[in-house]
């Protein structure tokens, strides 16, 4: 008898990440395979591991074989069918970066919804087209398989209006120029884990630091997002691997008017050449920077810590105090040095770190007498997407919530 699986897809410009979850009789989800196709259109390489981390495949392909996201979907699909011959594909869940103002929860994709998502491409031109390309490729090859869009912005739709505004003429707000916030699937997953791992702060005031190559912070009140550091785009807030974080708009005017940068050059600068990479001139990888003795590498790390602490202070003010803090994502989960430097600068909040627990990676890394409890909780956006996908399929919600 075939068992049912859910495929989770996260498609980018040059990579396709995927996970497969088996659905048991009780409706629980078990990871079966996790992998990615990197170097789409340049040096394609498929890698995948099973749930215990054992490598299942590591194969290179030619550019002609994997020139597009659609090609990657086709090749990954073929590999998965061969690998999981006795499994029945129940549905596919997609990470879609932007849900605009319309989508505050996951949605089952049909032609009308797909058209609405295409209309949001101008809000996320570097991400949305690739998310939709994966959806389109699967619809063409397996139109009978339900597909679900899960949005990085949806979790933040609970923001009070004041947190979403820019001080621009009102017509810009009405046309969609507002603070959306991102990394929502990660923050939502953390809120599901807090009652199990840190129940005392689950209904309180919590700042979650999603620190990775992409980085942001979120202020939670009783498990709801009330403010976040990313705004209209994933460029705002804390510095990131290759993105600058908060930037005076006057800098952009100067770069275009005085330095002559075109919009394409500006886009490349802001998304690919700034952040830790731009400051250090060495790497966007925090691990490499921490090992380096170059002064600019040390400066980039110091800048990252300084502005993260600055944003924590801002969100603490929004919350009117802090009961707990959570570190997650690549740097947040795996760098005790960065966690310690950030928390030492947050001593004014009543944070006291347990050095040994921090080196171990927690889950609780604050000392017994700390007024604010601090936790390390690994995120799992793929599982969050799989849960949403299964829930929509089980309950037959044909449209999700459209506002």
Foldseek 3Di string as FASTA:
>chain_A
DAWEKEKEWEFFFFKIWIWIWTQDPVRDTDTAKTWMWGGQQHWTWTWMAGPVRHTDDTDTDDNVQGNALLSVLVVVVVVVCVVRVRHHYQAYEYEAADPFLWALFKAWDDPVVLVVLVVCCVLPVRGSVRRSSSVVSCCVVPVPHIYMYGYQQNLQNPADVVQWDDPDPPVVVVVRQTFRHGNNLQLLQVLVCCCVPPVVPSQAWEKEWAADLQTKIFTDHGSGTHHIQGTSYSQAAFFHLQAGHHDDVVVVVCCCVPVPDDPVRVVCNHPPCDQLCVQQVPGSHLVVLVPDPDPSSVVSLVSRLVRVLVVVVVSCVVRVAAQEYEFEHDCSQPPLPSVVSNQVSVVVSQFAFQSVCSNVRHQWGTDPRGSHTYGYDYTDSSVSSVVSVSVCSVVVPNTHGTD
